Amino acid sequence: MNHSYYRYHVFFCINQRKTGEQCCQNHDAAAMRDYLKKRTKELNIVGRDAVRANTAGCMDRCDAGPVLVIYPEAIWYTFVDKSDIDEIIEEHLLHGRIVERLKIDV
């Protein structure tokens, strides 16, 4: 059986572009990544067969930013604040349900 090492692998774009250019880090993307990592540890859903969150460089989705993508499904999300991250954790990472209101088209 071929399956992913992690149940969910979350990549946050935290790219910082030149001043004035649209980028994910202009929206505190690194802080939101840190928050997701903290919450998943508190919920004890990290590691093999669970959740792993990583930093990504530019994923070329600045127009939809800030963005994160969850594999293996390749679901792209945008977010505004911790409540959006909480909803992604609760719905997608804990229950496998896509958060349609935050999902962005590929």
C-alpha atoms as a PDB file:
ATOM      1  CA  MET A   1       0.000   0.000   0.000  1.00  0.00           C
ATOM      2  CA  ASN A   2       1.373   3.391  -0.996  1.00  0.00           C
ATOM      3  CA  HIS A   3       0.396   6.198   1.350  1.00  0.00           C
ATOM      4  CA  SER A   4       1.828   9.413   2.650  1.00  0.00           C
ATOM      5  CA  TYR A   5       4.199   9.401   5.625  1.00  0.00           C
ATOM      6  CA  TYR A   6       2.034  12.107   7.197  1.00  0.00           C
ATOM      7  CA  ARG A   7      -1.744  12.018   7.126  1.00  0.00           C
ATOM      8  CA  TYR A   8      -1.651  15.736   6.330  1.00  0.00           C
ATOM      9  CA  HIS A   9       1.372  17.787   5.292  1.00  0.00           C
ATOM     10  CA  VAL A  10       0.697  21.529   5.559  1.00  0.00           C
ATOM     11  CA  PHE A  11       2.889  24.025   3.728  1.00  0.00           C
ATOM     12  CA  PHE A  12       2.679  27.730   4.558  1.00  0.00           C
ATOM     13  CA  CYS A  13       4.061  30.285   2.149  1.00  0.00           C
ATOM     14  CA  ILE A  14       5.951  32.828   4.241  1.00  0.00           C
ATOM     15  CA  ASN A  15       7.683  34.577   1.365  1.00  0.00           C
ATOM     16  CA  GLN A  16       8.597  38.237   1.842  1.00  0.00           C
ATOM     17  CA  ARG A  17       8.871  40.303  -1.330  1.00  0.00           C
ATOM     18  CA  LYS A  18      10.157  43.808  -1.779  1.00  0.00           C
ATOM     19  CA  THR A  19       8.324  46.517   0.093  1.00  0.00           C
ATOM     20  CA  GLY A  20       4.928  47.198  -1.402  1.00  0.00           C
ATOM     21  CA  GLU A  21       4.680  43.975  -3.407  1.00  0.00           C
ATOM     22  CA  GLN A  22       1.903  41.505  -2.615  1.00  0.00           C
ATOM     23  CA  CYS A  23       3.179  38.550  -0.596  1.00  0.00           C
ATOM     24  CA  CYS A  24       2.039  36.134   2.080  1.00  0.00           C
ATOM     25  CA  GLN A  25       4.337  37.418   4.806  1.00  0.00           C
ATOM     26  CA  ASN A  26       2.590  40.808   4.590  1.00  0.00           C
ATOM     27  CA  HIS A  27      -0.293  38.958   6.277  1.00  0.00           C
ATOM     28  CA  ASP A  28       1.693  37.455   9.200  1.00  0.00           C
ATOM     29  CA  ALA A  29       1.931  34.061   7.509  1.00  0.00           C
ATOM     30  CA  ALA A  30       4.869  32.947   9.683  1.00  0.00           C
ATOM     31  CA  ALA A  31       2.897  33.746  12.847  1.00  0.00           C
ATOM     32  CA  MET A  32      -0.064  31.758  11.517  1.00  0.00           C
ATOM     33  CA  ARG A  33       2.240  28.805  10.737  1.00  0.00           C
ATOM     34  CA  ASP A  34       3.610  28.985  14.274  1.00  0.00           C
ATOM     35  CA  TYR A  35       0.082  29.098  15.645  1.00  0.00           C
ATOM     36  CA  LEU A  36      -0.964  26.012  13.666  1.00  0.00           C
ATOM     37  CA  LYS A  37       2.138  24.162  14.868  1.00  0.00           C
ATOM     38  CA  LYS A  38       1.384  25.111  18.479  1.00  0.00           C
ATOM     39  CA  ARG A  39      -2.280  24.063  18.248  1.00  0.00           C
ATOM     40  CA  THR A  40      -1.552  20.741  16.535  1.00  0.00           C
ATOM     41  CA  LYS A  41       0.986  19.920  19.267  1.00  0.00           C
ATOM     42  CA  GLU A  42      -1.558  20.819  21.949  1.00  0.00           C
ATOM     43  CA  LEU A  43      -4.087  18.549  20.228  1.00  0.00           C
ATOM     44  CA  ASN A  44      -1.467  15.792  19.984  1.00  0.00           C
ATOM     45  CA  ILE A  45      -1.937  15.384  16.237  1.00  0.00           C
ATOM     46  CA  VAL A  46       1.671  15.798  15.073  1.00  0.00           C
ATOM     47  CA  GLY A  47       4.117  13.313  13.595  1.00  0.00           C
ATOM     48  CA  ARG A  48       3.934  10.200  11.471  1.00  0.00           C
ATOM     49  CA  ASP A  49       0.392   9.304  10.367  1.00  0.00           C
ATOM     50  CA  ALA A  50      -0.737  12.696  11.713  1.00  0.00           C
ATOM     51  CA  VAL A  51       0.070  16.325  10.833  1.00  0.00           C
ATOM     52  CA  ARG A  52       3.298  18.031   9.825  1.00  0.00           C
ATOM     53  CA  ALA A  53       3.500  21.776   9.158  1.00  0.00           C
ATOM     54  CA  ASN A  54       6.355  23.263   7.169  1.00  0.00           C
ATOM     55  CA  THR A  55       7.537  26.547   5.762  1.00  0.00           C
ATOM     56  CA  ALA A  56       7.547  27.058   2.029  1.00  0.00           C
ATOM     57  CA  GLY A  57       9.107  29.758  -0.040  1.00  0.00           C
ATOM     58  CA  CYS A  58       7.088  31.500  -2.688  1.00  0.00           C
ATOM     59  CA  MET A  59       4.382  29.232  -4.085  1.00  0.00           C
ATOM     60  CA  ASP A  60       3.448  31.792  -6.751  1.00  0.00           C
ATOM     61  CA  ARG A  61      -0.067  32.352  -5.387  1.00  0.00           C
ATOM     62  CA  CYS A  62       0.519  35.876  -4.068  1.00  0.00           C
ATOM     63  CA  ASP A  63      -2.695  37.141  -5.643  1.00  0.00           C
ATOM     64  CA  ALA A  64      -4.682  34.758  -3.412  1.00  0.00           C
ATOM     65  CA  GLY A  65      -2.468  35.176  -0.350  1.00  0.00           C
ATOM     66  CA  PRO A  66      -1.817  34.430   2.274  1.00  0.00           C
ATOM     67  CA  VAL A  67      -1.878  30.781   1.287  1.00  0.00           C
ATOM     68  CA  LEU A  68      -1.265  27.329   2.650  1.00  0.00           C
ATOM     69  CA  VAL A  69      -1.655  23.989   0.923  1.00  0.00           C
ATOM     70  CA  ILE A  70      -2.478  20.645   2.512  1.00  0.00           C
ATOM     71  CA  TYR A  71      -1.236  17.416   0.978  1.00  0.00           C
ATOM     72  CA  PRO A  72      -1.864  14.697  -0.016  1.00  0.00           C
ATOM     73  CA  GLU A  73      -5.154  16.193  -1.301  1.00  0.00           C
ATOM     74  CA  ALA A  74      -3.502  19.393  -2.598  1.00  0.00           C
ATOM     75  CA  ILE A  75      -6.182  21.623  -1.079  1.00  0.00           C
ATOM     76  CA  TRP A  76      -5.236  25.312  -1.151  1.00  0.00           C
ATOM     77  CA  TYR A  77      -6.521  27.693   1.496  1.00  0.00           C
ATOM     78  CA  THR A  78      -6.302  31.352   2.270  1.00  0.00           C
ATOM     79  CA  PHE A  79      -6.722  32.695   5.796  1.00  0.00           C
ATOM     80  CA  VAL A  80      -7.052  35.951   7.678  1.00  0.00           C
ATOM     81  CA  ASP A  81      -6.499  35.175  11.349  1.00  0.00           C
ATOM     82  CA  LYS A  82      -6.269  32.516  14.044  1.00  0.00           C
ATOM     83  CA  SER A  83      -9.973  31.747  13.833  1.00  0.00           C
ATOM     84  CA  ASP A  84      -9.490  30.705  10.189  1.00  0.00           C
ATOM     85  CA  ILE A  85      -6.544  28.520  11.193  1.00  0.00           C
ATOM     86  CA  ASP A  86      -8.646  27.014  14.000  1.00  0.00           C
ATOM     87  CA  GLU A  87     -11.373  26.187  11.485  1.00  0.00           C
ATOM     88  CA  ILE A  88      -8.862  24.511   9.145  1.00  0.00           C
ATOM     89  CA  ILE A  89      -7.494  22.474  12.064  1.00  0.00           C
ATOM     90  CA  GLU A  90     -10.940  21.481  13.322  1.00  0.00           C
ATOM     91  CA  GLU A  91     -12.553  20.695  10.005  1.00  0.00           C
ATOM     92  CA  HIS A  92      -9.746  19.513   7.707  1.00  0.00           C
ATOM     93  CA  LEU A  93      -6.988  18.214   9.974  1.00  0.00           C
ATOM     94  CA  LEU A  94      -9.218  16.627  12.616  1.00  0.00           C
ATOM     95  CA  HIS A  95     -12.270  15.583  10.593  1.00  0.00           C
ATOM     96  CA  GLY A  96     -11.121  15.444   6.957  1.00  0.00           C
ATOM     97  CA  ARG A  97     -13.685  18.002   5.770  1.00  0.00           C
ATOM     98  CA  ILE A  98     -12.678  20.730   3.321  1.00  0.00           C
ATOM     99  CA  VAL A  99     -13.353  24.273   4.513  1.00  0.00           C
ATOM    100  CA  GLU A 100     -15.072  25.536   1.388  1.00  0.00           C
ATOM    101  CA  ARG A 101     -15.227  29.198   2.452  1.00  0.00           C
ATOM    102  CA  LEU A 102     -11.405  29.356   2.739  1.00  0.00           C
ATOM    103  CA  LYS A 103     -10.548  27.095  -0.199  1.00  0.00           C
ATOM    104  CA  ILE A 104      -9.005  28.742  -3.241  1.00  0.00           C
ATOM    105  CA  ASP A 105      -9.128  27.371  -6.757  1.00  0.00           C
ATOM    106  CA  VAL A 106      -6.070  25.778  -8.238  1.00  0.00           C
END
